Amino acid sequence: MRAALYERVGAAHEVLELVELPRPEPAPGEVRIRLVTSGVNPSDVKTRAGPRSRLLPFARIVPRRDGAGVVDAVGPGGETARLGERVWTWNAAWGRAMGTAAEYVTLPQAQAVPLPQAVGFDAGACLGIPALTAFHAVVMDGGVAGKTVLIAGGAGAVGHYAIQFARHKGAARIITTVSSPAKARLATAAGADEVIDYRRQDVAGRLSALTNGRGVDRVIEVDFHANVALDFAALRDHGDIVVYGSNVPEVAVPFVQGIMKNVQLRFFVVYGLRPEERARELAEVGQLLAAGGLQHNVAERYPLARIAEAHQRVESGRAAGNVVVEIDQGLFTGA
């Protein structure tokens, strides 16, 4: 099978290579998925680039956690009824050497989630990290019902879903930040009540005006290092900041401001959700998908042969949404 892999960390065009590998066989309790698409996420490119660690957990890595495709084999004793089922994946390359940047991947059955017929394979590759991160950020610690929520980066891969989930979960008001008029239109279409262009507007001043100086109830943050001062200033007393990302590993926080406001600061990574949390959230996201209740913002698509370009596009920060690699063009087009 065709697969992309790397054996050392470094720049995408230097370390990613397209190779032929044996097709994997599913073990007991596993399914094999013929992949149609693979999602490219910031955590994937950071692991490959090596800013956090220069040491690889495996001698060679086929990257990427997210993907979508069709179950084409089940392990010994497995459910043959799943053969031919359209599915999406989560955590494929988390703690494993083989991810979704390949024509086939084997995974535990629970990590192959049914994909409704009306949902495209490109959208399916956006669910594992972006959608589940957004959903957890919205529902954790009591959720957002009746609250005013600030979502950083409302046109981004996670932020775009977070706006929709916050609306679905009863947020009273959704405010988001973007970096261009085009991204503002995406965020508004997703359901944001107020959109602030941080390159053209005074974000702190605008937030104060929109909340009559009270502040927001929850901040959902994509880059804590860039926005920590704004987040603490924008929050009301006893509000909470939910952080799922930062471009810098060490971040200083305004302690006095935080303690005087009784701020609750929560960090999480979607790979580490508790089993009961993940099961509940997978079920809810699945219901929304089946009902056709989600917009999917696939910004750009690349063939597997151009995987390095896809990684570079995500690293640039300029993609207005999800970046997807098409693995099997025939299945993707329905051929």
C-alpha atoms as a PDB file:
ATOM      1  CA  MET A   1       0.000   0.000   0.000  1.00  0.00           C
ATOM      2  CA  ARG A   2       1.040   3.631  -0.478  1.00  0.00           C
ATOM      3  CA  ALA A   3       1.894   5.489   2.692  1.00  0.00           C
ATOM      4  CA  ALA A   4       3.680   8.628   3.786  1.00  0.00           C
ATOM      5  CA  LEU A   5       6.132   8.320   6.658  1.00  0.00           C
ATOM      6  CA  TYR A   6       9.064   9.938   8.414  1.00  0.00           C
ATOM      7  CA  GLU A   7      11.985   8.495  10.355  1.00  0.00           C
ATOM      8  CA  ARG A   8      13.289  11.715  11.901  1.00  0.00           C
ATOM      9  CA  VAL A   9      11.835  15.078  12.858  1.00  0.00           C
ATOM     10  CA  GLY A  10      12.316  18.089  10.627  1.00  0.00           C
ATOM     11  CA  ALA A  11      10.826  20.177   7.844  1.00  0.00           C
ATOM     12  CA  ALA A  12       7.978  18.493   5.975  1.00  0.00           C
ATOM     13  CA  HIS A  13       9.667  18.504   2.557  1.00  0.00           C
ATOM     14  CA  GLU A  14      12.850  17.054   4.078  1.00  0.00           C
ATOM     15  CA  VAL A  15      11.516  14.175   6.189  1.00  0.00           C
ATOM     16  CA  LEU A  16       8.177  13.070   4.695  1.00  0.00           C
ATOM     17  CA  GLU A  17       8.493  10.420   2.013  1.00  0.00           C
ATOM     18  CA  LEU A  18       6.009   8.374  -0.004  1.00  0.00           C
ATOM     19  CA  VAL A  19       6.717   4.632   0.183  1.00  0.00           C
ATOM     20  CA  GLU A  20       5.174   1.211  -0.392  1.00  0.00           C
ATOM     21  CA  LEU A  21       4.375  -0.792   2.761  1.00  0.00           C
ATOM     22  CA  PRO A  22       2.694  -4.160   3.332  1.00  0.00           C
ATOM     23  CA  ARG A  23      -1.055  -3.885   3.774  1.00  0.00           C
ATOM     24  CA  PRO A  24      -1.809  -4.361   7.481  1.00  0.00           C
ATOM     25  CA  GLU A  25      -4.065  -7.156   8.755  1.00  0.00           C
ATOM     26  CA  PRO A  26      -6.512  -6.505  11.616  1.00  0.00           C
ATOM     27  CA  ALA A  27      -5.919  -8.256  14.929  1.00  0.00           C
ATOM     28  CA  PRO A  28      -8.748  -9.545  17.118  1.00  0.00           C
ATOM     29  CA  GLY A  29     -10.957  -6.632  18.116  1.00  0.00           C
ATOM     30  CA  GLU A  30      -9.747  -4.498  15.200  1.00  0.00           C
ATOM     31  CA  VAL A  31     -11.052  -3.413  11.826  1.00  0.00           C
ATOM     32  CA  ARG A  32      -9.114  -2.441   8.735  1.00  0.00           C
ATOM     33  CA  ILE A  33     -10.146   0.756   6.990  1.00  0.00           C
ATOM     34  CA  ARG A  34      -9.509   1.537   3.344  1.00  0.00           C
ATOM     35  CA  LEU A  35      -8.884   5.233   3.783  1.00  0.00           C
ATOM     36  CA  VAL A  36     -10.360   7.858   1.507  1.00  0.00           C
ATOM     37  CA  THR A  37      -9.222  10.973   3.342  1.00  0.00           C
ATOM     38  CA  SER A  38      -6.846  11.994   6.121  1.00  0.00           C
ATOM     39  CA  GLY A  39      -7.033  15.165   8.206  1.00  0.00           C
ATOM     40  CA  VAL A  40      -3.972  17.331   8.851  1.00  0.00           C
ATOM     41  CA  ASN A  41      -3.950  18.962  12.293  1.00  0.00           C
ATOM     42  CA  PRO A  42      -1.492  21.252  14.102  1.00  0.00           C
ATOM     43  CA  SER A  43      -0.570  18.475  16.534  1.00  0.00           C
ATOM     44  CA  ASP A  44       0.398  16.254  13.587  1.00  0.00           C
ATOM     45  CA  VAL A  45       2.756  18.820  12.116  1.00  0.00           C
ATOM     46  CA  LYS A  46       4.240  19.716  15.508  1.00  0.00           C
ATOM     47  CA  THR A  47       5.060  16.065  16.229  1.00  0.00           C
ATOM     48  CA  ARG A  48       6.751  15.778  12.826  1.00  0.00           C
ATOM     49  CA  ALA A  49       8.577  19.102  13.114  1.00  0.00           C
ATOM     50  CA  GLY A  50       9.941  18.307  16.574  1.00  0.00           C
ATOM     51  CA  PRO A  51       9.555  21.541  18.582  1.00  0.00           C
ATOM     52  CA  ARG A  52       8.495  19.586  21.665  1.00  0.00           C
ATOM     53  CA  SER A  53      10.804  16.587  21.302  1.00  0.00           C
ATOM     54  CA  ARG A  54      13.497  15.551  18.846  1.00  0.00           C
ATOM     55  CA  LEU A  55      13.065  11.904  19.846  1.00  0.00           C
ATOM     56  CA  LEU A  56      10.585   9.727  17.988  1.00  0.00           C
ATOM     57  CA  PRO A  57       8.552   7.119  19.911  1.00  0.00           C
ATOM     58  CA  PHE A  58       8.890   4.720  16.964  1.00  0.00           C
ATOM     59  CA  ALA A  59      11.618   4.122  14.373  1.00  0.00           C
ATOM     60  CA  ARG A  60       9.264   5.178  11.578  1.00  0.00           C
ATOM     61  CA  ILE A  61       5.913   6.921  11.797  1.00  0.00           C
ATOM     62  CA  VAL A  62       3.012   7.023   9.373  1.00  0.00           C
ATOM     63  CA  PRO A  63       1.460  10.213  10.745  1.00  0.00           C
ATOM     64  CA  ARG A  64      -1.977  11.514  11.517  1.00  0.00           C
ATOM     65  CA  ARG A  65      -4.816  10.748  13.876  1.00  0.00           C
ATOM     66  CA  ASP A  66      -7.882  11.633  11.798  1.00  0.00           C
ATOM     67  CA  GLY A  67      -9.289  10.038   8.675  1.00  0.00           C
ATOM     68  CA  ALA A  68     -12.333   8.556   6.979  1.00  0.00           C
ATOM     69  CA  GLY A  69     -12.952   5.589   4.761  1.00  0.00           C
ATOM     70  CA  VAL A  70     -14.622   2.191   4.451  1.00  0.00           C
ATOM     71  CA  VAL A  71     -14.175  -0.916   6.615  1.00  0.00           C
ATOM     72  CA  ASP A  72     -12.812  -3.615   4.309  1.00  0.00           C
ATOM     73  CA  ALA A  73     -11.750  -6.291   6.831  1.00  0.00           C
ATOM     74  CA  VAL A  74     -12.391  -7.288  10.435  1.00  0.00           C
ATOM     75  CA  GLY A  75     -10.124  -9.144  12.805  1.00  0.00           C
ATOM     76  CA  PRO A  76     -10.679 -12.763  13.879  1.00  0.00           C
ATOM     77  CA  GLY A  77     -14.037 -13.056  15.615  1.00  0.00           C
ATOM     78  CA  GLY A  78     -15.002  -9.519  14.618  1.00  0.00           C
ATOM     79  CA  GLU A  79     -18.358  -8.162  13.511  1.00  0.00           C
ATOM     80  CA  THR A  80     -18.648  -8.999   9.814  1.00  0.00           C
ATOM     81  CA  ALA A  81     -21.671  -6.681   9.651  1.00  0.00           C
ATOM     82  CA  ARG A  82     -19.210  -3.795   9.702  1.00  0.00           C
ATOM     83  CA  LEU A  83     -17.733  -4.743   6.324  1.00  0.00           C
ATOM     84  CA  GLY A  84     -18.439  -1.953   3.852  1.00  0.00           C
ATOM     85  CA  GLU A  85     -19.351   0.522   6.596  1.00  0.00           C
ATOM     86  CA  ARG A  86     -18.384   4.168   6.095  1.00  0.00           C
ATOM     87  CA  VAL A  87     -16.421   5.344   9.150  1.00  0.00           C
ATOM     88  CA  TRP A  88     -14.290   8.138  10.606  1.00  0.00           C
ATOM     89  CA  THR A  89     -11.370   7.669  12.976  1.00  0.00           C
ATOM     90  CA  TRP A  90      -9.950   9.215  16.136  1.00  0.00           C
ATOM     91  CA  ASN A  91      -6.510   8.868  17.784  1.00  0.00           C
ATOM     92  CA  ALA A  92      -5.214   6.661  14.959  1.00  0.00           C
ATOM     93  CA  ALA A  93      -1.530   7.600  15.387  1.00  0.00           C
ATOM     94  CA  TRP A  94      -1.773   8.416  19.105  1.00  0.00           C
ATOM     95  CA  GLY A  95       0.574   5.952  20.821  1.00  0.00           C
ATOM     96  CA  ARG A  96       0.841   3.997  17.567  1.00  0.00           C
ATOM     97  CA  ALA A  97       3.303   4.028  14.684  1.00  0.00           C
ATOM     98  CA  MET A  98       0.655   3.733  11.955  1.00  0.00           C
ATOM     99  CA  GLY A  99      -1.729   6.607  11.287  1.00  0.00           C
ATOM    100  CA  THR A 100      -4.049   7.670   8.506  1.00  0.00           C
ATOM    101  CA  ALA A 101      -1.510   8.969   5.947  1.00  0.00           C
ATOM    102  CA  ALA A 102      -1.785   5.646   4.126  1.00  0.00           C
ATOM    103  CA  GLU A 103      -4.181   3.653   1.970  1.00  0.00           C
ATOM    104  CA  TYR A 104      -5.096   1.380   4.896  1.00  0.00           C
ATOM    105  CA  VAL A 105      -5.042   1.526   8.677  1.00  0.00           C
ATOM    106  CA  THR A 106      -6.023  -1.003  11.337  1.00  0.00           C
ATOM    107  CA  LEU A 107      -7.621   0.227  14.557  1.00  0.00           C
ATOM    108  CA  PRO A 108      -9.623  -1.026  17.522  1.00  0.00           C
ATOM    109  CA  GLN A 109     -13.274  -1.211  16.500  1.00  0.00           C
ATOM    110  CA  ALA A 110     -14.274   1.654  18.802  1.00  0.00           C
ATOM    111  CA  GLN A 111     -11.948   3.999  16.930  1.00  0.00           C
ATOM    112  CA  ALA A 112     -13.870   3.459  13.700  1.00  0.00           C
ATOM    113  CA  VAL A 113     -17.056   5.490  14.145  1.00  0.00           C
ATOM    114  CA  PRO A 114     -19.988   5.209  11.710  1.00  0.00           C
ATOM    115  CA  LEU A 115     -20.107   8.083   9.210  1.00  0.00           C
ATOM    116  CA  PRO A 116     -23.619   8.948   7.986  1.00  0.00           C
ATOM    117  CA  GLN A 117     -24.163   8.474   4.277  1.00  0.00           C
ATOM    118  CA  ALA A 118     -24.939  12.158   3.780  1.00  0.00           C
ATOM    119  CA  VAL A 119     -21.638  13.284   5.332  1.00  0.00           C
ATOM    120  CA  GLY A 120     -18.695  13.387   2.929  1.00  0.00           C
ATOM    121  CA  PHE A 121     -15.398  11.640   3.536  1.00  0.00           C
ATOM    122  CA  ASP A 122     -13.655  15.019   3.533  1.00  0.00           C
ATOM    123  CA  ALA A 123     -15.842  16.126   6.457  1.00  0.00           C
ATOM    124  CA  GLY A 124     -15.212  12.798   8.179  1.00  0.00           C
ATOM    125  CA  ALA A 125     -11.483  13.565   8.255  1.00  0.00           C
ATOM    126  CA  CYS A 126     -12.222  16.740  10.277  1.00  0.00           C
ATOM    127  CA  LEU A 127     -14.024  15.142  13.199  1.00  0.00           C
ATOM    128  CA  GLY A 128     -11.502  13.308  15.373  1.00  0.00           C
ATOM    129  CA  ILE A 129      -9.476  16.274  16.626  1.00  0.00           C
ATOM    130  CA  PRO A 130     -11.238  19.478  15.478  1.00  0.00           C
ATOM    131  CA  ALA A 131     -14.860  18.558  16.167  1.00  0.00           C
ATOM    132  CA  LEU A 132     -14.266  16.555  19.353  1.00  0.00           C
ATOM    133  CA  THR A 133     -11.961  19.262  20.733  1.00  0.00           C
ATOM    134  CA  ALA A 134     -14.619  21.884  20.036  1.00  0.00           C
ATOM    135  CA  PHE A 135     -17.393  19.817  21.565  1.00  0.00           C
ATOM    136  CA  HIS A 136     -15.473  19.069  24.754  1.00  0.00           C
ATOM    137  CA  ALA A 137     -14.471  22.717  25.162  1.00  0.00           C
ATOM    138  CA  VAL A 138     -18.130  23.701  24.945  1.00  0.00           C
ATOM    139  CA  VAL A 139     -19.698  21.066  27.220  1.00  0.00           C
ATOM    140  CA  MET A 140     -17.061  20.593  29.939  1.00  0.00           C
ATOM    141  CA  ASP A 141     -17.575  21.920  33.471  1.00  0.00           C
ATOM    142  CA  GLY A 142     -21.266  22.644  33.187  1.00  0.00           C
ATOM    143  CA  GLY A 143     -21.373  23.745  29.579  1.00  0.00           C
ATOM    144  CA  VAL A 144     -22.440  27.086  28.116  1.00  0.00           C
ATOM    145  CA  ALA A 145     -26.240  27.128  28.348  1.00  0.00           C
ATOM    146  CA  GLY A 146     -27.407  30.674  28.992  1.00  0.00           C
ATOM    147  CA  LYS A 147     -23.843  32.024  28.949  1.00  0.00           C
ATOM    148  CA  THR A 148     -21.895  34.535  26.891  1.00  0.00           C
ATOM    149  CA  VAL A 149     -18.971  32.756  25.232  1.00  0.00           C
ATOM    150  CA  LEU A 150     -15.849  34.118  23.541  1.00  0.00           C
ATOM    151  CA  ILE A 151     -14.409  31.685  20.995  1.00  0.00           C
ATOM    152  CA  ALA A 152     -10.952  32.568  19.721  1.00  0.00           C
ATOM    153  CA  GLY A 153     -10.406  31.932  16.003  1.00  0.00           C
ATOM    154  CA  GLY A 154     -13.990  31.339  14.932  1.00  0.00           C
ATOM    155  CA  ALA A 155     -13.081  30.486  11.333  1.00  0.00           C
ATOM    156  CA  GLY A 156     -10.422  27.942  12.320  1.00  0.00           C
ATOM    157  CA  ALA A 157     -10.708  24.164  12.313  1.00  0.00           C
ATOM    158  CA  VAL A 158     -11.812  23.974  15.959  1.00  0.00           C
ATOM    159  CA  GLY A 159     -13.374  27.408  16.386  1.00  0.00           C
ATOM    160  CA  HIS A 160     -15.813  26.945  13.485  1.00  0.00           C
ATOM    161  CA  TYR A 161     -17.193  23.786  15.110  1.00  0.00           C
ATOM    162  CA  ALA A 162     -17.152  25.374  18.582  1.00  0.00           C
ATOM    163  CA  ILE A 163     -19.477  28.146  17.425  1.00  0.00           C
ATOM    164  CA  GLN A 164     -21.960  25.563  16.152  1.00  0.00           C
ATOM    165  CA  PHE A 165     -21.778  23.416  19.272  1.00  0.00           C
ATOM    166  CA  ALA A 166     -22.158  26.443  21.546  1.00  0.00           C
ATOM    167  CA  ARG A 167     -25.292  27.406  19.629  1.00  0.00           C
ATOM    168  CA  HIS A 168     -26.611  23.857  19.843  1.00  0.00           C
ATOM    169  CA  LYS A 169     -25.917  23.747  23.591  1.00  0.00           C
ATOM    170  CA  GLY A 170     -27.854  26.895  24.330  1.00  0.00           C
ATOM    171  CA  ALA A 171     -25.267  29.666  24.642  1.00  0.00           C
ATOM    172  CA  ALA A 172     -27.016  32.992  25.088  1.00  0.00           C
ATOM    173  CA  ARG A 173     -24.454  34.909  23.071  1.00  0.00           C
ATOM    174  CA  ILE A 174     -21.469  33.807  20.992  1.00  0.00           C
ATOM    175  CA  ILE A 175     -18.644  36.237  20.298  1.00  0.00           C
ATOM    176  CA  THR A 176     -15.648  35.246  18.215  1.00  0.00           C
ATOM    177  CA  THR A 177     -12.422  36.693  16.851  1.00  0.00           C
ATOM    178  CA  VAL A 178     -11.155  36.405  13.265  1.00  0.00           C
ATOM    179  CA  SER A 179      -8.417  37.926  11.123  1.00  0.00           C
ATOM    180  CA  SER A 180     -10.208  38.918   7.905  1.00  0.00           C
ATOM    181  CA  PRO A 181     -13.606  39.817   6.460  1.00  0.00           C
ATOM    182  CA  ALA A 182     -13.761  36.457   4.669  1.00  0.00           C
ATOM    183  CA  LYS A 183     -13.238  34.624   7.946  1.00  0.00           C
ATOM    184  CA  ALA A 184     -15.843  36.863   9.570  1.00  0.00           C
ATOM    185  CA  ARG A 185     -18.387  35.617   7.032  1.00  0.00           C
ATOM    186  CA  LEU A 186     -17.521  32.000   7.835  1.00  0.00           C
ATOM    187  CA  ALA A 187     -17.936  32.588  11.568  1.00  0.00           C
ATOM    188  CA  THR A 188     -21.225  34.421  11.116  1.00  0.00           C
ATOM    189  CA  ALA A 189     -22.597  31.643   8.919  1.00  0.00           C
ATOM    190  CA  ALA A 190     -21.648  29.129  11.615  1.00  0.00           C
ATOM    191  CA  GLY A 191     -23.799  31.001  14.135  1.00  0.00           C
ATOM    192  CA  ALA A 192     -21.681  33.668  15.837  1.00  0.00           C
ATOM    193  CA  ASP A 193     -23.655  36.642  17.152  1.00  0.00           C
ATOM    194  CA  GLU A 194     -20.722  39.058  17.133  1.00  0.00           C
ATOM    195  CA  VAL A 195     -17.466  38.852  15.177  1.00  0.00           C
ATOM    196  CA  ILE A 196     -14.390  40.939  16.029  1.00  0.00           C
ATOM    197  CA  ASP A 197     -11.584  41.320  13.497  1.00  0.00           C
ATOM    198  CA  TYR A 198      -8.508  41.433  15.724  1.00  0.00           C
ATOM    199  CA  ARG A 199      -6.357  42.922  12.970  1.00  0.00           C
ATOM    200  CA  ARG A 200      -8.676  45.870  12.436  1.00  0.00           C
ATOM    201  CA  GLN A 201     -10.465  46.380  15.773  1.00  0.00           C
ATOM    202  CA  ASP A 202      -9.645  46.930  19.436  1.00  0.00           C
ATOM    203  CA  VAL A 203     -10.684  43.516  20.741  1.00  0.00           C
ATOM    204  CA  ALA A 204     -10.637  44.376  24.446  1.00  0.00           C
ATOM    205  CA  GLY A 205     -12.594  47.579  23.878  1.00  0.00           C
ATOM    206  CA  ARG A 206     -15.118  45.859  21.663  1.00  0.00           C
ATOM    207  CA  LEU A 207     -15.641  43.038  24.177  1.00  0.00           C
ATOM    208  CA  SER A 208     -16.203  45.543  26.954  1.00  0.00           C
ATOM    209  CA  ALA A 209     -18.770  47.387  24.875  1.00  0.00           C
ATOM    210  CA  LEU A 210     -20.570  44.202  23.826  1.00  0.00           C
ATOM    211  CA  THR A 211     -20.875  42.983  27.448  1.00  0.00           C
ATOM    212  CA  ASN A 212     -21.492  46.403  29.050  1.00  0.00           C
ATOM    213  CA  GLY A 213     -18.224  45.988  30.921  1.00  0.00           C
ATOM    214  CA  ARG A 214     -19.325  42.772  32.619  1.00  0.00           C
ATOM    215  CA  GLY A 215     -17.157  40.381  30.616  1.00  0.00           C
ATOM    216  CA  VAL A 216     -17.836  36.965  29.130  1.00  0.00           C
ATOM    217  CA  ASP A 217     -18.672  33.791  31.027  1.00  0.00           C
ATOM    218  CA  ARG A 218     -16.349  31.457  29.151  1.00  0.00           C
ATOM    219  CA  VAL A 219     -13.359  31.835  26.849  1.00  0.00           C
ATOM    220  CA  ILE A 220     -12.474  28.949  24.509  1.00  0.00           C
ATOM    221  CA  GLU A 221      -8.844  29.527  23.587  1.00  0.00           C
ATOM    222  CA  VAL A 222      -6.785  28.314  20.622  1.00  0.00           C
ATOM    223  CA  ASP A 223      -3.514  30.153  21.437  1.00  0.00           C
ATOM    224  CA  PHE A 224      -3.101  30.846  25.133  1.00  0.00           C
ATOM    225  CA  HIS A 225       0.303  32.475  24.753  1.00  0.00           C
ATOM    226  CA  ALA A 226      -0.946  35.039  22.247  1.00  0.00           C
ATOM    227  CA  ASN A 227      -4.164  35.847  24.081  1.00  0.00           C
ATOM    228  CA  VAL A 228      -3.577  35.247  27.805  1.00  0.00           C
ATOM    229  CA  ALA A 229      -3.772  38.927  28.788  1.00  0.00           C
ATOM    230  CA  LEU A 230      -6.915  39.467  26.731  1.00  0.00           C
ATOM    231  CA  ASP A 231      -8.555  36.315  28.107  1.00  0.00           C
ATOM    232  CA  PHE A 232      -8.138  37.340  31.744  1.00  0.00           C
ATOM    233  CA  ALA A 233      -9.254  40.899  31.003  1.00  0.00           C
ATOM    234  CA  ALA A 234     -12.300  39.770  29.018  1.00  0.00           C
ATOM    235  CA  LEU A 235     -13.592  37.362  31.651  1.00  0.00           C
ATOM    236  CA  ARG A 236     -16.245  38.194  34.230  1.00  0.00           C
ATOM    237  CA  ASP A 237     -15.908  37.296  37.910  1.00  0.00           C
ATOM    238  CA  HIS A 238     -16.116  33.503  38.424  1.00  0.00           C
ATOM    239  CA  GLY A 239     -15.775  32.918  34.694  1.00  0.00           C
ATOM    240  CA  ASP A 240     -13.696  30.180  33.101  1.00  0.00           C
ATOM    241  CA  ILE A 241     -11.008  29.900  30.455  1.00  0.00           C
ATOM    242  CA  VAL A 242     -10.820  26.618  28.537  1.00  0.00           C
ATOM    243  CA  VAL A 243      -7.471  26.186  26.790  1.00  0.00           C
ATOM    244  CA  TYR A 244      -6.802  23.572  24.116  1.00  0.00           C
ATOM    245  CA  GLY A 245      -3.786  25.150  22.396  1.00  0.00           C
ATOM    246  CA  SER A 246      -0.746  27.397  22.645  1.00  0.00           C
ATOM    247  CA  ASN A 247       2.059  28.153  20.219  1.00  0.00           C
ATOM    248  CA  VAL A 248       4.526  28.492  23.104  1.00  0.00           C
ATOM    249  CA  PRO A 249       5.006  25.770  25.765  1.00  0.00           C
ATOM    250  CA  GLU A 250       5.459  28.089  28.770  1.00  0.00           C
ATOM    251  CA  VAL A 251       2.910  30.840  29.443  1.00  0.00           C
ATOM    252  CA  ALA A 252       2.923  33.366  32.314  1.00  0.00           C
ATOM    253  CA  VAL A 253      -0.513  34.197  33.715  1.00  0.00           C
ATOM    254  CA  PRO A 254      -1.728  37.369  35.500  1.00  0.00           C
ATOM    255  CA  PHE A 255      -2.094  35.753  38.904  1.00  0.00           C
ATOM    256  CA  VAL A 256      -3.488  38.712  40.851  1.00  0.00           C
ATOM    257  CA  GLN A 257      -6.126  39.446  38.247  1.00  0.00           C
ATOM    258  CA  GLY A 258      -7.030  35.769  38.108  1.00  0.00           C
ATOM    259  CA  ILE A 259      -7.370  35.299  41.848  1.00  0.00           C
ATOM    260  CA  MET A 260      -9.333  38.508  42.332  1.00  0.00           C
ATOM    261  CA  LYS A 261     -11.795  37.385  39.649  1.00  0.00           C
ATOM    262  CA  ASN A 262     -11.893  33.787  40.938  1.00  0.00           C
ATOM    263  CA  VAL A 263     -11.046  32.596  37.447  1.00  0.00           C
ATOM    264  CA  GLN A 264     -11.222  28.891  36.680  1.00  0.00           C
ATOM    265  CA  LEU A 265      -8.500  27.915  34.214  1.00  0.00           C
ATOM    266  CA  ARG A 266      -8.786  24.523  32.526  1.00  0.00           C
ATOM    267  CA  PHE A 267      -6.465  22.788  30.082  1.00  0.00           C
ATOM    268  CA  PHE A 268      -7.203  19.628  28.108  1.00  0.00           C
ATOM    269  CA  VAL A 269      -6.014  17.619  25.140  1.00  0.00           C
ATOM    270  CA  VAL A 270      -8.574  15.643  23.180  1.00  0.00           C
ATOM    271  CA  TYR A 271      -6.375  12.524  23.127  1.00  0.00           C
ATOM    272  CA  GLY A 272      -6.728  12.197  26.887  1.00  0.00           C
ATOM    273  CA  LEU A 273     -10.505  12.333  27.350  1.00  0.00           C
ATOM    274  CA  ARG A 274     -11.893   9.932  29.931  1.00  0.00           C
ATOM    275  CA  PRO A 275     -13.570   6.901  28.300  1.00  0.00           C
ATOM    276  CA  GLU A 276     -16.989   7.879  29.625  1.00  0.00           C
ATOM    277  CA  GLU A 277     -16.564  11.446  28.356  1.00  0.00           C
ATOM    278  CA  ARG A 278     -15.494  10.286  24.932  1.00  0.00           C
ATOM    279  CA  ALA A 279     -18.343   7.785  24.623  1.00  0.00           C
ATOM    280  CA  ARG A 280     -20.925  10.397  25.572  1.00  0.00           C
ATOM    281  CA  GLU A 281     -19.476  13.049  23.266  1.00  0.00           C
ATOM    282  CA  LEU A 282     -19.070  10.669  20.334  1.00  0.00           C
ATOM    283  CA  ALA A 283     -22.746   9.776  20.684  1.00  0.00           C
ATOM    284  CA  GLU A 284     -23.865  13.419  20.719  1.00  0.00           C
ATOM    285  CA  VAL A 285     -21.676  14.427  17.787  1.00  0.00           C
ATOM    286  CA  GLY A 286     -22.954  11.376  15.924  1.00  0.00           C
ATOM    287  CA  GLN A 287     -26.550  12.464  16.470  1.00  0.00           C
ATOM    288  CA  LEU A 288     -25.798  15.926  15.111  1.00  0.00           C
ATOM    289  CA  LEU A 289     -24.064  14.442  12.077  1.00  0.00           C
ATOM    290  CA  ALA A 290     -26.976  12.098  11.377  1.00  0.00           C
ATOM    291  CA  ALA A 291     -29.411  15.001  11.622  1.00  0.00           C
ATOM    292  CA  GLY A 292     -27.356  17.073   9.182  1.00  0.00           C
ATOM    293  CA  GLY A 293     -26.859  19.685  11.853  1.00  0.00           C
ATOM    294  CA  LEU A 294     -23.232  20.630  11.240  1.00  0.00           C
ATOM    295  CA  GLN A 295     -21.363  22.760   8.732  1.00  0.00           C
ATOM    296  CA  HIS A 296     -17.925  21.435   7.767  1.00  0.00           C
ATOM    297  CA  ASN A 297     -15.262  23.913   6.730  1.00  0.00           C
ATOM    298  CA  VAL A 298     -12.780  22.064   4.510  1.00  0.00           C
ATOM    299  CA  ALA A 299     -10.474  24.834   3.371  1.00  0.00           C
ATOM    300  CA  GLU A 300      -8.052  22.936   1.155  1.00  0.00           C
ATOM    301  CA  ARG A 301      -7.461  19.456  -0.255  1.00  0.00           C
ATOM    302  CA  TYR A 302      -4.210  17.830  -1.382  1.00  0.00           C
ATOM    303  CA  PRO A 303      -3.392  14.424  -2.919  1.00  0.00           C
ATOM    304  CA  LEU A 304      -1.238  12.070  -0.859  1.00  0.00           C
ATOM    305  CA  ALA A 305       1.723  12.761  -3.161  1.00  0.00           C
ATOM    306  CA  ARG A 306       1.649  16.397  -1.976  1.00  0.00           C
ATOM    307  CA  ILE A 307       1.446  15.635   1.725  1.00  0.00           C
ATOM    308  CA  ALA A 308       4.435  17.868   2.513  1.00  0.00           C
ATOM    309  CA  GLU A 309       2.565  20.839   1.033  1.00  0.00           C
ATOM    310  CA  ALA A 310      -0.461  20.014   3.173  1.00  0.00           C
ATOM    311  CA  HIS A 311       1.697  20.007   6.309  1.00  0.00           C
ATOM    312  CA  GLN A 312       3.309  23.283   5.304  1.00  0.00           C
ATOM    313  CA  ARG A 313      -0.090  24.868   4.757  1.00  0.00           C
ATOM    314  CA  VAL A 314      -1.226  23.971   8.267  1.00  0.00           C
ATOM    315  CA  GLU A 315       2.071  25.206   9.720  1.00  0.00           C
ATOM    316  CA  SER A 316       1.617  28.544   7.952  1.00  0.00           C
ATOM    317  CA  GLY A 317      -1.566  29.256   9.911  1.00  0.00           C
ATOM    318  CA  ARG A 318      -3.164  30.690   6.788  1.00  0.00           C
ATOM    319  CA  ALA A 319      -5.674  27.928   6.053  1.00  0.00           C
ATOM    320  CA  ALA A 320      -9.190  29.177   6.819  1.00  0.00           C
ATOM    321  CA  GLY A 321     -10.419  25.831   8.125  1.00  0.00           C
ATOM    322  CA  ASN A 322      -9.444  22.181   7.839  1.00  0.00           C
ATOM    323  CA  VAL A 323      -6.785  20.798   5.510  1.00  0.00           C
ATOM    324  CA  VAL A 324      -7.515  17.336   4.105  1.00  0.00           C
ATOM    325  CA  VAL A 325      -5.385  14.878   2.150  1.00  0.00           C
ATOM    326  CA  GLU A 326      -7.234  12.710  -0.381  1.00  0.00           C
ATOM    327  CA  ILE A 327      -5.898   9.152  -0.160  1.00  0.00           C
ATOM    328  CA  ASP A 328      -8.171   7.243  -2.551  1.00  0.00           C
ATOM    329  CA  GLN A 329      -9.521   9.490  -5.307  1.00  0.00           C
ATOM    330  CA  GLY A 330     -11.773   6.754  -6.685  1.00  0.00           C
ATOM    331  CA  LEU A 331     -13.658   6.272  -3.434  1.00  0.00           C
ATOM    332  CA  PHE A 332     -13.643  10.015  -2.782  1.00  0.00           C
ATOM    333  CA  THR A 333     -15.530  10.712  -6.001  1.00  0.00           C
ATOM    334  CA  GLY A 334     -17.744   7.680  -5.645  1.00  0.00           C
ATOM    335  CA  ALA A 335     -16.135   5.798  -8.539  1.00  0.00           C
END
